[in-house]
Amino acid sequence: MQMKKLFSHRKEKIKQQDTEFANNSDRIFKQGDLIEEQREELQQLTLRIEDVETLLDEVSSEAYDKAVDKVAEETMRATRKDDIRFAEDSKKWIQDPKHKASKREKDYAIKQAGRADKKNRNCNGKSGHTDY
């Protein structure tokens, strides 16, 4: 009788373990499916992040290029302004009676300063900037 009880108890225990094994297996398969879904979602998010990073790089590059162009334009404008001012100041300096030179030399120097001034102003007009 005791042997029958032992077999019955073992049989019950095995049945319980089979049920637990089936439940655990089912849970493991469900978790595997969930992991696969999360892996796919992670891959999609990674691609979206890469797209955003690419867009950010392109926008940053374009903004940098525009900023460089603007700085170059402003620097060129300021340089031309200085060149025009220098030519005007040179003409005034040459014409000052306290500077000794023949009329011919003064006229020649004034003419050259005037040509430089005209070239600067023409260059400004070609670039669309005439406010110097």
N, C-alpha and C. Protein backbone atom coordinates (compact mmCIF):
# COMPACT_ATOMS: atom_id res chain seq x y z
N MET A 1 0.79 -1.17 0.00
CA MET A 1 0.00 0.00 0.00
C MET A 1 0.86 1.26 0.00
N GLN A 2 1.86 1.22 0.73
CA GLN A 2 2.74 2.37 0.78
C GLN A 2 3.39 2.60 -0.58
N MET A 3 3.70 1.59 -1.28
CA MET A 3 4.29 1.69 -2.60
C MET A 3 3.29 2.34 -3.56
N LYS A 4 2.06 2.02 -3.43
CA LYS A 4 1.02 2.59 -4.26
C LYS A 4 0.89 4.08 -3.99
N LYS A 5 0.96 4.45 -2.73
CA LYS A 5 0.89 5.85 -2.36
C LYS A 5 2.09 6.62 -2.92
N LEU A 6 3.24 5.99 -2.81
CA LEU A 6 4.47 6.61 -3.30
C LEU A 6 4.38 6.81 -4.82
N PHE A 7 3.92 5.78 -5.54
CA PHE A 7 3.76 5.90 -6.99
C PHE A 7 2.71 6.97 -7.32
N SER A 8 1.66 6.97 -6.59
CA SER A 8 0.59 7.94 -6.83
C SER A 8 1.11 9.37 -6.57
N HIS A 9 1.85 9.48 -5.50
CA HIS A 9 2.43 10.80 -5.15
C HIS A 9 3.43 11.24 -6.24
N ARG A 10 4.26 10.30 -6.68
CA ARG A 10 5.26 10.61 -7.73
C ARG A 10 4.55 10.96 -9.05
N LYS A 11 3.53 10.21 -9.34
CA LYS A 11 2.77 10.45 -10.55
C LYS A 11 2.15 11.86 -10.51
N GLU A 12 1.62 12.22 -9.41
CA GLU A 12 1.01 13.54 -9.20
C GLU A 12 2.09 14.63 -9.34
N LYS A 13 3.23 14.38 -8.74
CA LYS A 13 4.35 15.32 -8.79
C LYS A 13 4.81 15.51 -10.24
N ILE A 14 4.94 14.42 -10.98
CA ILE A 14 5.35 14.48 -12.39
C ILE A 14 4.31 15.24 -13.20
N LYS A 15 3.06 14.99 -12.95
CA LYS A 15 1.98 15.68 -13.65
C LYS A 15 2.05 17.20 -13.36
N GLN A 16 2.31 17.53 -12.12
CA GLN A 16 2.42 18.93 -11.71
C GLN A 16 3.64 19.58 -12.40
N GLN A 17 4.75 18.86 -12.47
CA GLN A 17 5.94 19.38 -13.11
C GLN A 17 5.73 19.54 -14.63
N ASP A 18 5.01 18.59 -15.23
CA ASP A 18 4.68 18.71 -16.66
C ASP A 18 3.85 19.97 -16.92
N THR A 19 2.89 20.21 -16.03
CA THR A 19 2.04 21.40 -16.17
C THR A 19 2.88 22.67 -16.02
N GLU A 20 3.75 22.67 -15.00
CA GLU A 20 4.63 23.84 -14.80
C GLU A 20 5.57 24.03 -15.99
N PHE A 21 6.10 22.93 -16.50
CA PHE A 21 6.99 22.99 -17.67
C PHE A 21 6.25 23.58 -18.87
N ALA A 22 5.01 23.11 -19.09
CA ALA A 22 4.21 23.62 -20.22
C ALA A 22 3.93 25.11 -20.04
N ASN A 23 3.58 25.50 -18.82
CA ASN A 23 3.32 26.93 -18.55
C ASN A 23 4.58 27.77 -18.75
N ASN A 24 5.70 27.26 -18.24
CA ASN A 24 6.97 27.98 -18.38
C ASN A 24 7.39 28.06 -19.85
N SER A 25 7.20 26.98 -20.58
CA SER A 25 7.55 26.98 -22.01
C SER A 25 6.70 28.00 -22.76
N ASP A 26 5.42 28.02 -22.46
CA ASP A 26 4.52 28.97 -23.09
C ASP A 26 4.95 30.41 -22.78
N ARG A 27 5.30 30.65 -21.51
CA ARG A 27 5.75 31.98 -21.10
C ARG A 27 7.06 32.36 -21.81
N ILE A 28 7.96 31.42 -21.95
CA ILE A 28 9.24 31.66 -22.62
C ILE A 28 9.00 32.00 -24.10
N PHE A 29 8.11 31.27 -24.76
CA PHE A 29 7.81 31.56 -26.16
C PHE A 29 7.18 32.95 -26.31
N LYS A 30 6.27 33.29 -25.38
CA LYS A 30 5.64 34.62 -25.43
C LYS A 30 6.70 35.71 -25.22
N GLN A 31 7.61 35.48 -24.29
CA GLN A 31 8.68 36.45 -24.04
C GLN A 31 9.60 36.56 -25.26
N GLY A 32 9.85 35.44 -25.93
CA GLY A 32 10.65 35.46 -27.15
C GLY A 32 9.99 36.30 -28.22
N ASP A 33 8.67 36.14 -28.36
CA ASP A 33 7.93 36.95 -29.34
C ASP A 33 8.00 38.43 -28.96
N LEU A 34 7.84 38.71 -27.68
CA LEU A 34 7.90 40.09 -27.20
C LEU A 34 9.30 40.69 -27.45
N ILE A 35 10.32 39.91 -27.19
CA ILE A 35 11.69 40.36 -27.42
C ILE A 35 11.89 40.67 -28.90
N GLU A 36 11.36 39.83 -29.76
CA GLU A 36 11.49 40.05 -31.21
C GLU A 36 10.76 41.33 -31.62
N GLU A 37 9.57 41.56 -31.08
CA GLU A 37 8.83 42.80 -31.38
C GLU A 37 9.63 44.02 -30.91
N GLN A 38 10.19 43.91 -29.72
CA GLN A 38 10.97 45.03 -29.17
C GLN A 38 12.25 45.24 -29.99
N ARG A 39 12.84 44.19 -30.47
CA ARG A 39 14.04 44.30 -31.31
C ARG A 39 13.70 45.04 -32.61
N GLU A 40 12.55 44.69 -33.22
CA GLU A 40 12.13 45.38 -34.44
C GLU A 40 11.84 46.85 -34.17
N GLU A 41 11.17 47.13 -33.05
CA GLU A 41 10.87 48.51 -32.69
C GLU A 41 12.17 49.30 -32.44
N LEU A 42 13.12 48.67 -31.78
CA LEU A 42 14.42 49.30 -31.54
C LEU A 42 15.12 49.60 -32.86
N GLN A 43 15.04 48.67 -33.80
CA GLN A 43 15.67 48.87 -35.10
C GLN A 43 15.02 50.06 -35.83
N GLN A 44 13.70 50.15 -35.78
CA GLN A 44 13.00 51.27 -36.42
C GLN A 44 13.38 52.60 -35.76
N LEU A 45 13.45 52.61 -34.43
CA LEU A 45 13.84 53.82 -33.71
C LEU A 45 15.28 54.21 -34.05
N THR A 46 16.13 53.22 -34.17
CA THR A 46 17.53 53.49 -34.53
C THR A 46 17.60 54.13 -35.90
N LEU A 47 16.83 53.62 -36.85
CA LEU A 47 16.80 54.19 -38.19
C LEU A 47 16.28 55.63 -38.16
N ARG A 48 15.25 55.87 -37.36
CA ARG A 48 14.70 57.23 -37.24
C ARG A 48 15.73 58.17 -36.64
N ILE A 49 16.45 57.70 -35.64
CA ILE A 49 17.50 58.52 -35.02
C ILE A 49 18.59 58.83 -36.04
N GLU A 50 18.98 57.83 -36.81
CA GLU A 50 20.00 58.06 -37.85
C GLU A 50 19.51 59.07 -38.88
N ASP A 51 18.22 58.99 -39.25
CA ASP A 51 17.65 59.96 -40.19
C ASP A 51 17.70 61.37 -39.60
N VAL A 52 17.34 61.49 -38.33
CA VAL A 52 17.36 62.80 -37.67
C VAL A 52 18.80 63.33 -37.59
N GLU A 53 19.74 62.45 -37.28
CA GLU A 53 21.15 62.88 -37.22
C GLU A 53 21.64 63.33 -38.59
N THR A 54 21.25 62.63 -39.63
CA THR A 54 21.63 63.02 -40.99
C THR A 54 21.03 64.38 -41.33
N LEU A 55 19.76 64.56 -41.02
CA LEU A 55 19.10 65.85 -41.28
C LEU A 55 19.79 66.96 -40.49
N LEU A 56 20.11 66.69 -39.24
CA LEU A 56 20.80 67.68 -38.41
C LEU A 56 22.15 68.05 -39.00
N ASP A 57 22.89 67.06 -39.49
CA ASP A 57 24.18 67.33 -40.12
C ASP A 57 24.02 68.19 -41.36
N GLU A 58 23.00 67.89 -42.17
CA GLU A 58 22.77 68.65 -43.40
C GLU A 58 22.37 70.09 -43.08
N VAL A 59 21.47 70.25 -42.10
CA VAL A 59 21.02 71.59 -41.72
C VAL A 59 22.17 72.39 -41.12
N SER A 60 22.96 71.75 -40.27
CA SER A 60 24.11 72.42 -39.65
C SER A 60 25.11 72.86 -40.72
N SER A 61 25.36 71.97 -41.66
CA SER A 61 26.31 72.29 -42.74
C SER A 61 25.81 73.48 -43.56
N GLU A 62 24.53 73.47 -43.89
CA GLU A 62 23.95 74.56 -44.68
C GLU A 62 23.99 75.87 -43.88
N ALA A 63 23.66 75.81 -42.61
CA ALA A 63 23.71 77.02 -41.76
C ALA A 63 25.14 77.54 -41.65
N TYR A 64 26.09 76.64 -41.51
CA TYR A 64 27.50 77.04 -41.42
C TYR A 64 27.94 77.72 -42.72
N ASP A 65 27.58 77.12 -43.86
CA ASP A 65 27.95 77.70 -45.15
C ASP A 65 27.36 79.09 -45.32
N LYS A 66 26.10 79.26 -44.92
CA LYS A 66 25.46 80.57 -45.03
C LYS A 66 26.13 81.59 -44.10
N ALA A 67 26.48 81.14 -42.90
CA ALA A 67 27.15 82.04 -41.96
C ALA A 67 28.52 82.46 -42.49
N VAL A 68 29.25 81.52 -43.07
CA VAL A 68 30.56 81.84 -43.64
C VAL A 68 30.39 82.83 -44.79
N ASP A 69 29.40 82.60 -45.64
CA ASP A 69 29.14 83.52 -46.75
C ASP A 69 28.82 84.92 -46.23
N LYS A 70 28.00 84.99 -45.21
CA LYS A 70 27.60 86.28 -44.64
C LYS A 70 28.81 87.01 -44.05
N VAL A 71 29.64 86.28 -43.30
CA VAL A 71 30.83 86.89 -42.71
C VAL A 71 31.78 87.35 -43.80
N ALA A 72 31.97 86.54 -44.83
CA ALA A 72 32.85 86.91 -45.94
C ALA A 72 32.31 88.16 -46.64
N GLU A 73 31.02 88.21 -46.85
CA GLU A 73 30.40 89.36 -47.51
C GLU A 73 30.57 90.63 -46.67
N GLU A 74 30.33 90.52 -45.38
CA GLU A 74 30.49 91.68 -44.49
C GLU A 74 31.94 92.13 -44.42
N THR A 75 32.86 91.17 -44.40
CA THR A 75 34.29 91.51 -44.37
C THR A 75 34.69 92.21 -45.66
N MET A 76 34.22 91.70 -46.79
CA MET A 76 34.52 92.30 -48.09
C MET A 76 33.93 93.71 -48.14
N ARG A 77 32.72 93.86 -47.67
CA ARG A 77 32.07 95.17 -47.66
C ARG A 77 32.86 96.16 -46.80
N ALA A 78 33.27 95.74 -45.62
CA ALA A 78 34.04 96.62 -44.73
C ALA A 78 35.40 96.96 -45.35
N THR A 79 36.03 96.00 -45.99
CA THR A 79 37.33 96.25 -46.63
C THR A 79 37.18 97.26 -47.76
N ARG A 80 36.17 97.10 -48.56
CA ARG A 80 35.94 98.03 -49.67
C ARG A 80 35.63 99.44 -49.14
N LYS A 81 34.86 99.48 -48.07
CA LYS A 81 34.55 100.76 -47.45
C LYS A 81 35.84 101.44 -46.99
N ASP A 82 36.70 100.66 -46.35
CA ASP A 82 38.00 101.19 -45.90
C ASP A 82 38.85 101.64 -47.08
N ASP A 83 38.84 100.86 -48.17
CA ASP A 83 39.60 101.22 -49.36
C ASP A 83 39.11 102.54 -49.95
N ILE A 84 37.81 102.73 -50.01
CA ILE A 84 37.23 103.96 -50.54
C ILE A 84 37.62 105.14 -49.65
N ARG A 85 37.48 104.94 -48.35
CA ARG A 85 37.85 105.99 -47.39
C ARG A 85 39.33 106.34 -47.52
N PHE A 86 40.18 105.32 -47.70
CA PHE A 86 41.61 105.55 -47.85
C PHE A 86 41.90 106.37 -49.11
N ALA A 87 41.24 106.03 -50.21
CA ALA A 87 41.45 106.76 -51.47
C ALA A 87 41.01 108.22 -51.31
N GLU A 88 39.88 108.43 -50.65
CA GLU A 88 39.40 109.81 -50.43
C GLU A 88 40.36 110.57 -49.53
N ASP A 89 40.81 109.93 -48.45
CA ASP A 89 41.77 110.57 -47.55
C ASP A 89 43.08 110.87 -48.26
N SER A 90 43.51 109.96 -49.14
CA SER A 90 44.75 110.17 -49.89
C SER A 90 44.63 111.39 -50.79
N LYS A 91 43.48 111.52 -51.46
CA LYS A 91 43.29 112.68 -52.33
C LYS A 91 43.34 113.98 -51.52
N LYS A 92 42.71 113.98 -50.37
CA LYS A 92 42.72 115.17 -49.51
C LYS A 92 44.15 115.47 -49.04
N TRP A 93 44.87 114.45 -48.68
CA TRP A 93 46.23 114.62 -48.17
C TRP A 93 47.12 115.20 -49.27
N ILE A 94 46.98 114.66 -50.47
CA ILE A 94 47.78 115.14 -51.60
C ILE A 94 47.48 116.60 -51.91
N GLN A 95 46.21 116.97 -51.83
CA GLN A 95 45.81 118.34 -52.18
C GLN A 95 46.17 119.35 -51.10
N ASP A 96 46.52 118.89 -49.93
CA ASP A 96 46.88 119.81 -48.85
C ASP A 96 48.09 120.65 -49.28
N PRO A 97 48.00 121.98 -49.18
CA PRO A 97 49.07 122.85 -49.64
C PRO A 97 50.39 122.67 -48.87
N LYS A 98 50.35 122.14 -47.68
CA LYS A 98 51.59 121.98 -46.93
C LYS A 98 52.46 120.84 -47.44
N HIS A 99 51.92 119.97 -48.31
CA HIS A 99 52.71 118.90 -48.90
C HIS A 99 53.32 119.39 -50.21
N LYS A 100 54.61 119.40 -50.25
CA LYS A 100 55.33 119.98 -51.39
C LYS A 100 55.48 118.96 -52.52
N ALA A 101 54.91 119.29 -53.62
CA ALA A 101 55.06 118.51 -54.84
C ALA A 101 54.59 119.40 -55.98
N SER A 102 55.05 119.12 -57.18
CA SER A 102 54.64 119.94 -58.32
C SER A 102 53.17 119.67 -58.61
N LYS A 103 52.54 120.61 -59.29
CA LYS A 103 51.13 120.46 -59.66
C LYS A 103 50.96 119.19 -60.47
N ARG A 104 51.89 118.92 -61.36
CA ARG A 104 51.83 117.74 -62.21
C ARG A 104 51.85 116.47 -61.37
N GLU A 105 52.73 116.40 -60.36
CA GLU A 105 52.82 115.22 -59.49
C GLU A 105 51.54 115.06 -58.66
N LYS A 106 51.04 116.17 -58.15
CA LYS A 106 49.81 116.12 -57.36
C LYS A 106 48.63 115.67 -58.22
N ASP A 107 48.54 116.24 -59.42
CA ASP A 107 47.44 115.85 -60.33
C ASP A 107 47.51 114.35 -60.66
N TYR A 108 48.72 113.88 -60.91
CA TYR A 108 48.90 112.45 -61.22
C TYR A 108 48.48 111.58 -60.01
N ALA A 109 48.93 111.95 -58.81
CA ALA A 109 48.59 111.18 -57.60
C ALA A 109 47.09 111.20 -57.34
N ILE A 110 46.49 112.38 -57.53
CA ILE A 110 45.03 112.49 -57.34
C ILE A 110 44.30 111.63 -58.36
N LYS A 111 44.79 111.65 -59.60
CA LYS A 111 44.17 110.84 -60.65
C LYS A 111 44.26 109.35 -60.29
N GLN A 112 45.40 108.89 -59.81
CA GLN A 112 45.58 107.48 -59.44
C GLN A 112 44.68 107.10 -58.25
N ALA A 113 44.61 107.99 -57.26
CA ALA A 113 43.73 107.73 -56.11
C ALA A 113 42.28 107.70 -56.57
N GLY A 114 41.94 108.59 -57.51
CA GLY A 114 40.58 108.61 -58.06
C GLY A 114 40.25 107.33 -58.81
N ARG A 115 41.25 106.82 -59.55
CA ARG A 115 41.03 105.56 -60.28
C ARG A 115 40.81 104.40 -59.30
N ALA A 116 41.61 104.37 -58.24
CA ALA A 116 41.44 103.31 -57.23
C ALA A 116 40.07 103.42 -56.58
N ASP A 117 39.67 104.64 -56.28
CA ASP A 117 38.35 104.87 -55.68
C ASP A 117 37.25 104.41 -56.63
N LYS A 118 37.37 104.77 -57.90
CA LYS A 118 36.37 104.39 -58.91
C LYS A 118 36.29 102.87 -59.06
N LYS A 119 37.46 102.22 -59.08
CA LYS A 119 37.46 100.75 -59.19
C LYS A 119 36.76 100.11 -58.00
N ASN A 120 37.02 100.62 -56.82
CA ASN A 120 36.36 100.08 -55.63
C ASN A 120 34.85 100.29 -55.71
N ARG A 121 34.46 101.47 -56.12
CA ARG A 121 33.01 101.75 -56.21
C ARG A 121 32.36 100.89 -57.30
N ASN A 122 33.04 100.72 -58.43
CA ASN A 122 32.52 99.86 -59.50
C ASN A 122 32.42 98.41 -59.03
N CYS A 123 33.41 97.98 -58.31
CA CYS A 123 33.40 96.61 -57.78
C CYS A 123 32.23 96.44 -56.83
N ASN A 124 31.99 97.43 -56.01
CA ASN A 124 30.84 97.38 -55.08
C ASN A 124 29.54 97.33 -55.84
N GLY A 125 29.44 98.12 -56.90
CA GLY A 125 28.20 98.12 -57.69
C GLY A 125 27.95 96.78 -58.34
N LYS A 126 29.00 96.10 -58.78
CA LYS A 126 28.85 94.79 -59.41
C LYS A 126 28.40 93.73 -58.43
N SER A 127 28.78 93.91 -57.16
CA SER A 127 28.39 92.92 -56.15
C SER A 127 27.01 93.23 -55.57
N GLY A 128 26.43 94.34 -56.05
CA GLY A 128 25.08 94.67 -55.58
C GLY A 128 25.10 95.59 -54.37
N HIS A 129 26.28 96.00 -53.92
CA HIS A 129 26.39 96.87 -52.76
C HIS A 129 26.83 98.25 -53.21
N THR A 130 25.97 99.22 -53.05
CA THR A 130 26.31 100.59 -53.45
C THR A 130 26.19 101.54 -52.28
N ASP A 131 26.05 101.01 -51.09
CA ASP A 131 25.84 101.86 -49.92
C ASP A 131 27.13 102.16 -49.18
N TYR A 132 28.20 102.43 -49.91
CA TYR A 132 29.48 102.70 -49.27
C TYR A 132 29.76 104.17 -49.23
